């Protein structure tokens, strides 16, 4: 999946939302708060995979598959948060690049 972009992930998340819009809360800042909390829960699941199996085993199959799946869950909620707050791919890229340059000069 070479070149898998944030824009593609956001588009896929929009497709999921369209499919479940009758049961999911509409994208809004208020819903964004909930999505952030759910994302933190998924981050906890990533941590659990590593805690329960150890650092090295988390890089080996079949544990690696579980780790990557939990990371995908985190990214799905992350993209949903971006959509809830109306943050575009371009806006995030600009901010990311700016922060990257700041951090390069920081240490």
PDB file of N, CA and C in Angstrom:
ATOM      1  N   UNK A   1       0.839  -1.176   0.000  1.00  0.00           N
ATOM      2  CA  UNK A   1       0.000   0.000   0.000  1.00  0.00           C
ATOM      3  C   UNK A   1       0.888   1.244   0.000  1.00  0.00           C
ATOM      4  N   UNK A   2       1.733   1.325  -0.979  1.00  0.00           N
ATOM      5  CA  UNK A   2       2.663   2.433  -1.095  1.00  0.00           C
ATOM      6  C   UNK A   2       1.922   3.752  -1.276  1.00  0.00           C
ATOM      7  N   UNK A   3       2.374   4.763  -0.560  1.00  0.00           N
ATOM      8  CA  UNK A   3       1.791   6.079  -0.715  1.00  0.00           C
ATOM      9  C   UNK A   3       0.432   6.256  -0.065  1.00  0.00           C
ATOM     10  N   UNK A   4       0.137   5.479   0.956  1.00  0.00           N
ATOM     11  CA  UNK A   4      -1.133   5.589   1.669  1.00  0.00           C
ATOM     12  C   UNK A   4      -1.130   6.910   2.412  1.00  0.00           C
ATOM     13  N   UNK A   5      -2.014   7.819   2.005  1.00  0.00           N
ATOM     14  CA  UNK A   5      -1.961   9.183   2.524  1.00  0.00           C
ATOM     15  C   UNK A   5      -3.011   9.441   3.598  1.00  0.00           C
ATOM     16  N   UNK A   6      -2.778  10.506   4.314  1.00  0.00           N
ATOM     17  CA  UNK A   6      -3.751  10.962   5.301  1.00  0.00           C
ATOM     18  C   UNK A   6      -5.076  11.285   4.614  1.00  0.00           C
ATOM     19  N   UNK A   7      -4.997  11.878   3.436  1.00  0.00           N
ATOM     20  CA  UNK A   7      -6.206  12.197   2.680  1.00  0.00           C
ATOM     21  C   UNK A   7      -7.015  10.953   2.345  1.00  0.00           C
ATOM     22  N   UNK A   8      -6.327   9.884   1.979  1.00  0.00           N
ATOM     23  CA  UNK A   8      -7.023   8.622   1.685  1.00  0.00           C
ATOM     24  C   UNK A   8      -7.679   8.067   2.948  1.00  0.00           C
ATOM     25  N   UNK A   9      -6.969   8.145   4.068  1.00  0.00           N
ATOM     26  CA  UNK A   9      -7.539   7.665   5.328  1.00  0.00           C
ATOM     27  C   UNK A   9      -8.765   8.487   5.703  1.00  0.00           C
ATOM     28  N   UNK A  10      -8.680   9.797   5.538  1.00  0.00           N
ATOM     29  CA  UNK A  10      -9.815  10.658   5.868  1.00  0.00           C
ATOM     30  C   UNK A  10     -11.004  10.350   4.963  1.00  0.00           C
ATOM     31  N   UNK A  11     -10.740  10.097   3.690  1.00  0.00           N
ATOM     32  CA  UNK A  11     -11.797   9.746   2.751  1.00  0.00           C
ATOM     33  C   UNK A  11     -12.471   8.438   3.151  1.00  0.00           C
ATOM     34  N   UNK A  12     -11.673   7.472   3.553  1.00  0.00           N
ATOM     35  CA  UNK A  12     -12.216   6.186   4.000  1.00  0.00           C
ATOM     36  C   UNK A  12     -13.064   6.376   5.260  1.00  0.00           C
ATOM     37  N   UNK A  13     -12.609   7.250   6.155  1.00  0.00           N
ATOM     38  CA  UNK A  13     -13.357   7.504   7.389  1.00  0.00           C
ATOM     39  C   UNK A  13     -14.691   8.173   7.074  1.00  0.00           C
ATOM     40  N   UNK A  14     -14.680   9.051   6.068  1.00  0.00           N
ATOM     41  CA  UNK A  14     -15.934   9.683   5.626  1.00  0.00           C
ATOM     42  C   UNK A  14     -16.902   8.625   5.085  1.00  0.00           C
ATOM     43  N   UNK A  15     -16.369   7.639   4.354  1.00  0.00           N
ATOM     44  CA  UNK A  15     -17.204   6.565   3.833  1.00  0.00           C
ATOM     45  C   UNK A  15     -17.845   5.772   4.977  1.00  0.00           C
ATOM     46  N   UNK A  16     -17.067   5.476   6.007  1.00  0.00           N
ATOM     47  CA  UNK A  16     -17.621   4.779   7.166  1.00  0.00           C
ATOM     48  C   UNK A  16     -18.719   5.610   7.811  1.00  0.00           C
ATOM     49  N   UNK A  17     -18.445   6.903   7.945  1.00  0.00           N
ATOM     50  CA  UNK A  17     -19.443   7.777   8.553  1.00  0.00           C
ATOM     51  C   UNK A  17     -20.744   7.757   7.733  1.00  0.00           C
ATOM     52  N   UNK A  18     -20.609   7.850   6.419  1.00  0.00           N
ATOM     53  CA  UNK A  18     -21.805   7.840   5.565  1.00  0.00           C
ATOM     54  C   UNK A  18     -22.604   6.551   5.754  1.00  0.00           C
ATOM     55  N   UNK A  19     -21.905   5.452   5.889  1.00  0.00           N
ATOM     56  CA  UNK A  19     -22.576   4.165   6.074  1.00  0.00           C
ATOM     57  C   UNK A  19     -23.332   4.118   7.404  1.00  0.00           C
ATOM     58  N   UNK A  20     -22.755   4.696   8.446  1.00  0.00           N
ATOM     59  CA  UNK A  20     -23.320   4.590   9.792  1.00  0.00           C
ATOM     60  C   UNK A  20     -23.898   5.902  10.331  1.00  0.00           C
ATOM     61  N   UNK A  21     -24.128   6.871   9.467  1.00  0.00           N
ATOM     62  CA  UNK A  21     -24.556   8.194   9.927  1.00  0.00           C
ATOM     63  C   UNK A  21     -25.865   8.177  10.710  1.00  0.00           C
ATOM     64  N   UNK A  22     -26.677   7.153  10.499  1.00  0.00           N
ATOM     65  CA  UNK A  22     -27.930   7.072  11.250  1.00  0.00           C
ATOM     66  C   UNK A  22     -27.725   6.637  12.695  1.00  0.00           C
ATOM     67  N   UNK A  23     -26.567   6.039  12.992  1.00  0.00           N
ATOM     68  CA  UNK A  23     -26.313   5.587  14.365  1.00  0.00           C
ATOM     69  C   UNK A  23     -25.146   6.329  15.022  1.00  0.00           C
ATOM     70  N   UNK A  24     -24.270   6.928  14.230  1.00  0.00           N
ATOM     71  CA  UNK A  24     -23.133   7.667  14.785  1.00  0.00           C
ATOM     72  C   UNK A  24     -23.509   9.127  14.987  1.00  0.00           C
ATOM     73  N   UNK A  25     -22.906   9.768  15.985  1.00  0.00           N
ATOM     74  CA  UNK A  25     -23.092  11.209  16.169  1.00  0.00           C
ATOM     75  C   UNK A  25     -22.526  11.956  14.963  1.00  0.00           C
ATOM     76  N   UNK A  26     -23.153  13.065  14.579  1.00  0.00           N
ATOM     77  CA  UNK A  26     -22.618  13.851  13.461  1.00  0.00           C
ATOM     78  C   UNK A  26     -21.221  14.388  13.796  1.00  0.00           C
ATOM     79  N   UNK A  27     -20.426  14.596  12.761  1.00  0.00           N
ATOM     80  CA  UNK A  27     -19.112  15.195  12.965  1.00  0.00           C
ATOM     81  C   UNK A  27     -19.294  16.622  13.482  1.00  0.00           C
ATOM     82  N   UNK A  28     -18.764  16.879  14.652  1.00  0.00           N
ATOM     83  CA  UNK A  28     -18.840  18.201  15.265  1.00  0.00           C
ATOM     84  C   UNK A  28     -17.776  18.262  16.349  1.00  0.00           C
ATOM     85  N   UNK A  29     -17.408  19.465  16.797  1.00  0.00           N
ATOM     86  CA  UNK A  29     -16.432  19.554  17.893  1.00  0.00           C
ATOM     87  C   UNK A  29     -16.878  18.776  19.139  1.00  0.00           C
ATOM     88  N   UNK A  30     -18.171  18.803  19.428  1.00  0.00           N
ATOM     89  CA  UNK A  30     -18.655  18.066  20.597  1.00  0.00           C
ATOM     90  C   UNK A  30     -18.404  16.560  20.432  1.00  0.00           C
ATOM     91  N   UNK A  31     -18.685  16.031  19.242  1.00  0.00           N
ATOM     92  CA  UNK A  31     -18.417  14.613  18.976  1.00  0.00           C
ATOM     93  C   UNK A  31     -16.913  14.350  18.966  1.00  0.00           C
ATOM     94  N   UNK A  32     -16.132  15.354  18.586  1.00  0.00           N
ATOM     95  CA  UNK A  32     -14.673  15.210  18.551  1.00  0.00           C
ATOM     96  C   UNK A  32     -14.099  14.853  19.913  1.00  0.00           C
ATOM     97  N   UNK A  33     -14.677  15.431  20.959  1.00  0.00           N
ATOM     98  CA  UNK A  33     -14.205  15.132  22.316  1.00  0.00           C
ATOM     99  C   UNK A  33     -14.382  13.642  22.621  1.00  0.00           C
ATOM    100  N   UNK A  34     -15.533  13.108  22.272  1.00  0.00           N
ATOM    101  CA  UNK A  34     -15.774  11.680  22.496  1.00  0.00           C
ATOM    102  C   UNK A  34     -14.820  10.829  21.680  1.00  0.00           C
ATOM    103  N   UNK A  35     -14.610  11.222  20.425  1.00  0.00           N
ATOM    104  CA  UNK A  35     -13.702  10.453  19.561  1.00  0.00           C
ATOM    105  C   UNK A  35     -12.287  10.459  20.131  1.00  0.00           C
ATOM    106  N   UNK A  36     -11.880  11.610  20.708  1.00  0.00           N
ATOM    107  CA  UNK A  36     -10.554  11.670  21.338  1.00  0.00           C
ATOM    108  C   UNK A  36     -10.449  10.690  22.498  1.00  0.00           C
ATOM    109  N   UNK A  37     -11.491  10.624  23.297  1.00  0.00           N
ATOM    110  CA  UNK A  37     -11.482   9.693  24.429  1.00  0.00           C
ATOM    111  C   UNK A  37     -11.439   8.253  23.937  1.00  0.00           C
ATOM    112  N   UNK A  38     -12.188   7.946  22.892  1.00  0.00           N
ATOM    113  CA  UNK A  38     -12.155   6.591  22.346  1.00  0.00           C
ATOM    114  C   UNK A  38     -10.771   6.289  21.768  1.00  0.00           C
ATOM    115  N   UNK A  39     -10.134   7.293  21.160  1.00  0.00           N
ATOM    116  CA  UNK A  39      -8.791   7.103  20.623  1.00  0.00           C
ATOM    117  C   UNK A  39      -7.812   6.785  21.745  1.00  0.00           C
ATOM    118  N   UNK A  40      -7.947   7.482  22.864  1.00  0.00           N
ATOM    119  CA  UNK A  40      -7.081   7.210  24.012  1.00  0.00           C
ATOM    120  C   UNK A  40      -7.283   5.772  24.490  1.00  0.00           C
ATOM    121  N   UNK A  41      -8.534   5.302  24.466  1.00  0.00           N
ATOM    122  CA  UNK A  41      -8.810   3.913  24.818  1.00  0.00           C
ATOM    123  C   UNK A  41      -8.091   2.954  23.887  1.00  0.00           C
ATOM    124  N   UNK A  42      -8.082   3.268  22.600  1.00  0.00           N
ATOM    125  CA  UNK A  42      -7.369   2.427  21.630  1.00  0.00           C
ATOM    126  C   UNK A  42      -5.868   2.473  21.851  1.00  0.00           C
ATOM    127  N   UNK A  43      -5.346   3.641  22.242  1.00  0.00           N
ATOM    128  CA  UNK A  43      -3.918   3.737  22.561  1.00  0.00           C
ATOM    129  C   UNK A  43      -3.609   2.821  23.742  1.00  0.00           C
ATOM    130  N   UNK A  44      -4.533   2.764  24.704  1.00  0.00           N
ATOM    131  CA  UNK A  44      -4.375   1.848  25.830  1.00  0.00           C
ATOM    132  C   UNK A  44      -4.297   0.405  25.360  1.00  0.00           C
ATOM    133  N   UNK A  45      -5.072   0.059  24.338  1.00  0.00           N
ATOM    134  CA  UNK A  45      -5.021  -1.302  23.806  1.00  0.00           C
ATOM    135  C   UNK A  45      -3.687  -1.582  23.128  1.00  0.00           C
ATOM    136  N   UNK A  46      -3.102  -0.576  22.475  1.00  0.00           N
ATOM    137  CA  UNK A  46      -1.762  -0.727  21.895  1.00  0.00           C
ATOM    138  C   UNK A  46      -0.759  -1.018  23.023  1.00  0.00           C
ATOM    139  N   UNK A  47      -0.857  -0.234  24.082  1.00  0.00           N
ATOM    140  CA  UNK A  47       0.039  -0.413  25.231  1.00  0.00           C
ATOM    141  C   UNK A  47      -0.138  -1.796  25.840  1.00  0.00           C
ATOM    142  N   UNK A  48      -1.382  -2.255  25.943  1.00  0.00           N
ATOM    143  CA  UNK A  48      -1.640  -3.587  26.503  1.00  0.00           C
ATOM    144  C   UNK A  48      -0.974  -4.691  25.696  1.00  0.00           C
ATOM    145  N   UNK A  49      -1.015  -4.585  24.372  1.00  0.00           N
ATOM    146  CA  UNK A  49      -0.371  -5.596  23.529  1.00  0.00           C
ATOM    147  C   UNK A  49       1.117  -5.669  23.864  1.00  0.00           C
ATOM    148  N   UNK A  50       1.738  -4.516  24.017  1.00  0.00           N
ATOM    149  CA  UNK A  50       3.174  -4.478  24.311  1.00  0.00           C
ATOM    150  C   UNK A  50       3.450  -4.951  25.735  1.00  0.00           C
ATOM    151  N   UNK A  51       2.644  -4.479  26.699  1.00  0.00           N
ATOM    152  CA  UNK A  51       2.833  -4.880  28.099  1.00  0.00           C
ATOM    153  C   UNK A  51       2.678  -6.383  28.282  1.00  0.00           C
ATOM    154  N   UNK A  52       1.668  -6.951  27.675  1.00  0.00           N
ATOM    155  CA  UNK A  52       1.368  -8.369  27.860  1.00  0.00           C
ATOM    156  C   UNK A  52       2.352  -9.278  27.147  1.00  0.00           C
ATOM    157  N   UNK A  53       2.985  -8.782  26.085  1.00  0.00           N
ATOM    158  CA  UNK A  53       3.828  -9.641  25.263  1.00  0.00           C
ATOM    159  C   UNK A  53       5.302  -9.260  25.270  1.00  0.00           C
ATOM    160  N   UNK A  54       5.609  -8.050  25.717  1.00  0.00           N
ATOM    161  CA  UNK A  54       6.991  -7.584  25.713  1.00  0.00           C
ATOM    162  C   UNK A  54       7.336  -6.851  24.429  1.00  0.00           C
ATOM    163  N   UNK A  55       8.361  -6.038  24.524  1.00  0.00           N
ATOM    164  CA  UNK A  55       8.763  -5.189  23.405  1.00  0.00           C
ATOM    165  C   UNK A  55       9.156  -5.991  22.167  1.00  0.00           C
ATOM    166  N   UNK A  56       9.996  -6.999  22.364  1.00  0.00           N
ATOM    167  CA  UNK A  56      10.510  -7.763  21.224  1.00  0.00           C
ATOM    168  C   UNK A  56       9.406  -8.607  20.597  1.00  0.00           C
ATOM    169  N   UNK A  57       8.631  -9.296  21.415  1.00  0.00           N
ATOM    170  CA  UNK A  57       7.567 -10.156  20.888  1.00  0.00           C
ATOM    171  C   UNK A  57       6.527  -9.341  20.118  1.00  0.00           C
ATOM    172  N   UNK A  58       6.357  -8.082  20.484  1.00  0.00           N
ATOM    173  CA  UNK A  58       5.399  -7.220  19.789  1.00  0.00           C
ATOM    174  C   UNK A  58       5.811  -6.950  18.344  1.00  0.00           C
ATOM    175  N   UNK A  59       7.067  -7.220  18.027  1.00  0.00           N
ATOM    176  CA  UNK A  59       7.544  -7.023  16.648  1.00  0.00           C
ATOM    177  C   UNK A  59       7.494  -8.312  15.839  1.00  0.00           C
ATOM    178  N   UNK A  60       7.098  -9.398  16.488  1.00  0.00           N
ATOM    179  CA  UNK A  60       7.075 -10.705  15.826  1.00  0.00           C
ATOM    180  C   UNK A  60       5.640 -11.205  15.682  1.00  0.00           C
ATOM    181  N   UNK A  61       5.404 -11.966  14.607  1.00  0.00           N
ATOM    182  CA  UNK A  61       4.076 -12.564  14.404  1.00  0.00           C
ATOM    183  C   UNK A  61       3.832 -13.624  15.466  1.00  0.00           C
ATOM    184  N   UNK A  62       2.623 -13.839  15.918  1.00  0.00           N
ATOM    185  CA  UNK A  62       1.368 -13.211  15.517  1.00  0.00           C
ATOM    186  C   UNK A  62       1.039 -11.944  16.309  1.00  0.00           C
ATOM    187  N   UNK A  63       1.889 -11.610  17.298  1.00  0.00           N
ATOM    188  CA  UNK A  63       1.605 -10.444  18.145  1.00  0.00           C
ATOM    189  C   UNK A  63       1.680  -9.157  17.329  1.00  0.00           C
ATOM    190  N   UNK A  64       2.609  -9.102  16.392  1.00  0.00           N
ATOM    191  CA  UNK A  64       2.762  -7.910  15.556  1.00  0.00           C
ATOM    192  C   UNK A  64       1.448  -7.567  14.851  1.00  0.00           C
ATOM    193  N   UNK A  65       0.761  -8.589  14.362  1.00  0.00           N
ATOM    194  CA  UNK A  65      -0.514  -8.358  13.676  1.00  0.00           C
ATOM    195  C   UNK A  65      -1.509  -7.664  14.604  1.00  0.00           C
ATOM    196  N   UNK A  66      -1.587  -8.116  15.856  1.00  0.00           N
ATOM    197  CA  UNK A  66      -2.489  -7.490  16.830  1.00  0.00           C
ATOM    198  C   UNK A  66      -2.061  -6.048  17.111  1.00  0.00           C
ATOM    199  N   UNK A  67      -0.757  -5.813  17.215  1.00  0.00           N
ATOM    200  CA  UNK A  67      -0.233  -4.469  17.455  1.00  0.00           C
ATOM    201  C   UNK A  67      -0.608  -3.531  16.310  1.00  0.00           C
ATOM    202  N   UNK A  68      -0.384  -3.986  15.095  1.00  0.00           N
ATOM    203  CA  UNK A  68      -0.673  -3.155  13.923  1.00  0.00           C
ATOM    204  C   UNK A  68      -2.177  -2.892  13.817  1.00  0.00           C
ATOM    205  N   UNK A  69      -2.998  -3.890  14.132  1.00  0.00           N
ATOM    206  CA  UNK A  69      -4.448  -3.705  14.085  1.00  0.00           C
ATOM    207  C   UNK A  69      -4.900  -2.651  15.091  1.00  0.00           C
ATOM    208  N   UNK A  70      -4.328  -2.678  16.285  1.00  0.00           N
ATOM    209  CA  UNK A  70      -4.681  -1.664  17.288  1.00  0.00           C
ATOM    210  C   UNK A  70      -4.199  -0.286  16.857  1.00  0.00           C
ATOM    211  N   UNK A  71      -3.029  -0.221  16.219  1.00  0.00           N
ATOM    212  CA  UNK A  71      -2.541   1.064  15.706  1.00  0.00           C
ATOM    213  C   UNK A  71      -3.486   1.597  14.622  1.00  0.00           C
ATOM    214  N   UNK A  72      -4.028   0.704  13.796  1.00  0.00           N
ATOM    215  CA  UNK A  72      -4.993   1.120  12.774  1.00  0.00           C
ATOM    216  C   UNK A  72      -6.243   1.698  13.430  1.00  0.00           C
ATOM    217  N   UNK A  73      -6.687   1.078  14.543  1.00  0.00           N
ATOM    218  CA  UNK A  73      -7.839   1.627  15.270  1.00  0.00           C
ATOM    219  C   UNK A  73      -7.555   3.045  15.753  1.00  0.00           C
ATOM    220  N   UNK A  74      -6.339   3.266  16.257  1.00  0.00           N
ATOM    221  CA  UNK A  74      -5.951   4.599  16.727  1.00  0.00           C
ATOM    222  C   UNK A  74      -6.038   5.598  15.565  1.00  0.00           C
ATOM    223  N   UNK A  75      -5.504   5.197  14.416  1.00  0.00           N
ATOM    224  CA  UNK A  75      -5.529   6.091  13.253  1.00  0.00           C
ATOM    225  C   UNK A  75      -6.952   6.375  12.772  1.00  0.00           C
ATOM    226  N   UNK A  76      -7.818   5.380  12.874  1.00  0.00           N
ATOM    227  CA  UNK A  76      -9.205   5.605  12.458  1.00  0.00           C
ATOM    228  C   UNK A  76      -9.866   6.668  13.335  1.00  0.00           C
ATOM    229  N   UNK A  77      -9.673   6.563  14.642  1.00  0.00           N
ATOM    230  CA  UNK A  77     -10.235   7.583  15.530  1.00  0.00           C
ATOM    231  C   UNK A  77      -9.553   8.925  15.316  1.00  0.00           C
ATOM    232  N   UNK A  78      -8.247   8.911  15.076  1.00  0.00           N
ATOM    233  CA  UNK A  78      -7.503  10.145  14.822  1.00  0.00           C
ATOM    234  C   UNK A  78      -8.102  10.877  13.613  1.00  0.00           C
ATOM    235  N   UNK A  79      -8.337  10.124  12.549  1.00  0.00           N
ATOM    236  CA  UNK A  79      -8.925  10.729  11.351  1.00  0.00           C
ATOM    237  C   UNK A  79     -10.334  11.225  11.614  1.00  0.00           C
ATOM    238  N   UNK A  80     -11.070  10.496  12.437  1.00  0.00           N
ATOM    239  CA  UNK A  80     -12.417  10.941  12.784  1.00  0.00           C
ATOM    240  C   UNK A  80     -12.360  12.249  13.575  1.00  0.00           C
ATOM    241  N   UNK A  81     -11.385  12.377  14.459  1.00  0.00           N
ATOM    242  CA  UNK A  81     -11.213  13.621  15.225  1.00  0.00           C
ATOM    243  C   UNK A  81     -10.926  14.774  14.265  1.00  0.00           C
ATOM    244  N   UNK A  82     -10.052  14.546  13.290  1.00  0.00           N
ATOM    245  CA  UNK A  82      -9.761  15.597  12.306  1.00  0.00           C
ATOM    246  C   UNK A  82     -11.041  16.042  11.607  1.00  0.00           C
ATOM    247  N   UNK A  83     -11.860  15.079  11.236  1.00  0.00           N
ATOM    248  CA  UNK A  83     -13.121  15.403  10.558  1.00  0.00           C
ATOM    249  C   UNK A  83     -14.072  16.159  11.484  1.00  0.00           C
ATOM    250  N   UNK A  84     -14.122  15.761  12.743  1.00  0.00           N
ATOM    251  CA  UNK A  84     -15.015  16.435  13.701  1.00  0.00           C
ATOM    252  C   UNK A  84     -14.642  17.904  13.889  1.00  0.00           C
ATOM    253  N   UNK A  85     -13.358  18.201  13.852  1.00  0.00           N
ATOM    254  CA  UNK A  85     -12.908  19.575  14.055  1.00  0.00           C
ATOM    255  C   UNK A  85     -12.648  20.309  12.746  1.00  0.00           C
ATOM    256  N   UNK A  86     -12.967  19.657  11.624  1.00  0.00           N
ATOM    257  CA  UNK A  86     -12.825  20.305  10.322  1.00  0.00           C
ATOM    258  C   UNK A  86     -11.384  20.609   9.942  1.00  0.00           C
ATOM    259  N   UNK A  87     -10.457  19.779  10.387  1.00  0.00           N
ATOM    260  CA  UNK A  87      -9.037  19.986  10.077  1.00  0.00           C
ATOM    261  C   UNK A  87      -8.721  19.257   8.775  1.00  0.00           C
ATOM    262  N   UNK A  88      -8.226  19.999   7.801  1.00  0.00           N
ATOM    263  CA  UNK A  88      -7.940  19.416   6.484  1.00  0.00           C
ATOM    264  C   UNK A  88      -6.547  18.792   6.460  1.00  0.00           C
ATOM    265  N   UNK A  89      -6.348  17.965   5.463  1.00  0.00           N
ATOM    266  CA  UNK A  89      -5.039  17.344   5.252  1.00  0.00           C
ATOM    267  C   UNK A  89      -3.972  18.423   5.035  1.00  0.00           C
ATOM    268  N   UNK A  90      -4.311  19.441   4.264  1.00  0.00           N
ATOM    269  CA  UNK A  90      -3.356  20.512   3.961  1.00  0.00           C
ATOM    270  C   UNK A  90      -2.998  21.313   5.219  1.00  0.00           C
ATOM    271  N   UNK A  91      -4.019  21.598   6.026  1.00  0.00           N
ATOM    272  CA  UNK A  91      -3.808  22.347   7.263  1.00  0.00           C
ATOM    273  C   UNK A  91      -2.896  21.572   8.215  1.00  0.00           C
ATOM    274  N   UNK A  92      -3.140  20.287   8.332  1.00  0.00           N
ATOM    275  CA  UNK A  92      -2.318  19.460   9.215  1.00  0.00           C
ATOM    276  C   UNK A  92      -0.889  19.353   8.686  1.00  0.00           C
ATOM    277  N   UNK A  93      -0.755  19.203   7.370  1.00  0.00           N
ATOM    278  CA  UNK A  93       0.576  19.107   6.768  1.00  0.00           C
ATOM    279  C   UNK A  93       1.387  20.365   7.039  1.00  0.00           C
ATOM    280  N   UNK A  94       0.763  21.514   6.848  1.00  0.00           N
ATOM    281  CA  UNK A  94       1.448  22.791   7.078  1.00  0.00           C
ATOM    282  C   UNK A  94       1.911  22.897   8.540  1.00  0.00           C
ATOM    283  N   UNK A  95       1.033  22.560   9.450  1.00  0.00           N
ATOM    284  CA  UNK A  95       1.370  22.631  10.869  1.00  0.00           C
ATOM    285  C   UNK A  95       2.446  21.609  11.228  1.00  0.00           C
ATOM    286  N   UNK A  96       2.335  20.406  10.671  1.00  0.00           N
ATOM    287  CA  UNK A  96       3.314  19.342  10.941  1.00  0.00           C
ATOM    288  C   UNK A  96       4.705  19.759  10.462  1.00  0.00           C
ATOM    289  N   UNK A  97       4.771  20.285   9.252  1.00  0.00           N
ATOM    290  CA  UNK A  97       6.063  20.710   8.708  1.00  0.00           C
ATOM    291  C   UNK A  97       6.667  21.842   9.538  1.00  0.00           C
ATOM    292  N   UNK A  98       5.836  22.769   9.972  1.00  0.00           N
ATOM    293  CA  UNK A  98       6.306  23.863  10.817  1.00  0.00           C
ATOM    294  C   UNK A  98       6.852  23.331  12.138  1.00  0.00           C
ATOM    295  N   UNK A  99       6.119  22.440  12.749  1.00  0.00           N
ATOM    296  CA  UNK A  99       6.546  21.854  14.028  1.00  0.00           C
ATOM    297  C   UNK A  99       7.821  21.028  13.836  1.00  0.00           C
ATOM    298  N   UNK A 100       7.907  20.301  12.728  1.00  0.00           N
ATOM    299  CA  UNK A 100       9.102  19.521  12.408  1.00  0.00           C
ATOM    300  C   UNK A 100      10.335  20.422  12.340  1.00  0.00           C
ATOM    301  N   UNK A 101      10.208  21.556  11.647  1.00  0.00           N
ATOM    302  CA  UNK A 101      11.336  22.484  11.535  1.00  0.00           C
ATOM    303  C   UNK A 101      11.709  23.056  12.897  1.00  0.00           C
ATOM    304  N   UNK A 102      10.718  23.404  13.714  1.00  0.00           N
ATOM    305  CA  UNK A 102      10.980  23.890  15.076  1.00  0.00           C
ATOM    306  C   UNK A 102      11.746  22.858  15.886  1.00  0.00           C
ATOM    307  N   UNK A 103      11.300  21.613  15.799  1.00  0.00           N
ATOM    308  CA  UNK A 103      11.944  20.545  16.566  1.00  0.00           C
ATOM    309  C   UNK A 103      13.362  20.265  16.088  1.00  0.00           C
ATOM    310  N   UNK A 104      13.624  20.454  14.800  1.00  0.00           N
ATOM    311  CA  UNK A 104      14.982  20.252  14.283  1.00  0.00           C
ATOM    312  C   UNK A 104      15.946  21.273  14.889  1.00  0.00           C
ATOM    313  N   UNK A 105      15.435  22.454  15.160  1.00  0.00           N
ATOM    314  CA  UNK A 105      16.283  23.514  15.724  1.00  0.00           C
ATOM    315  C   UNK A 105      16.350  23.453  17.242  1.00  0.00           C
ATOM    316  N   UNK A 106      15.439  22.709  17.838  1.00  0.00           N
ATOM    317  CA  UNK A 106      15.273  22.708  19.289  1.00  0.00           C
ATOM    318  C   UNK A 106      16.445  22.046  20.031  1.00  0.00           C
ATOM    319  N   UNK A 107      16.939  20.933  19.542  1.00  0.00           N
ATOM    320  CA  UNK A 107      17.981  20.203  20.280  1.00  0.00           C
ATOM    321  C   UNK A 107      19.277  20.217  19.556  1.00  0.00           C
TER     322      UNK A 107
END
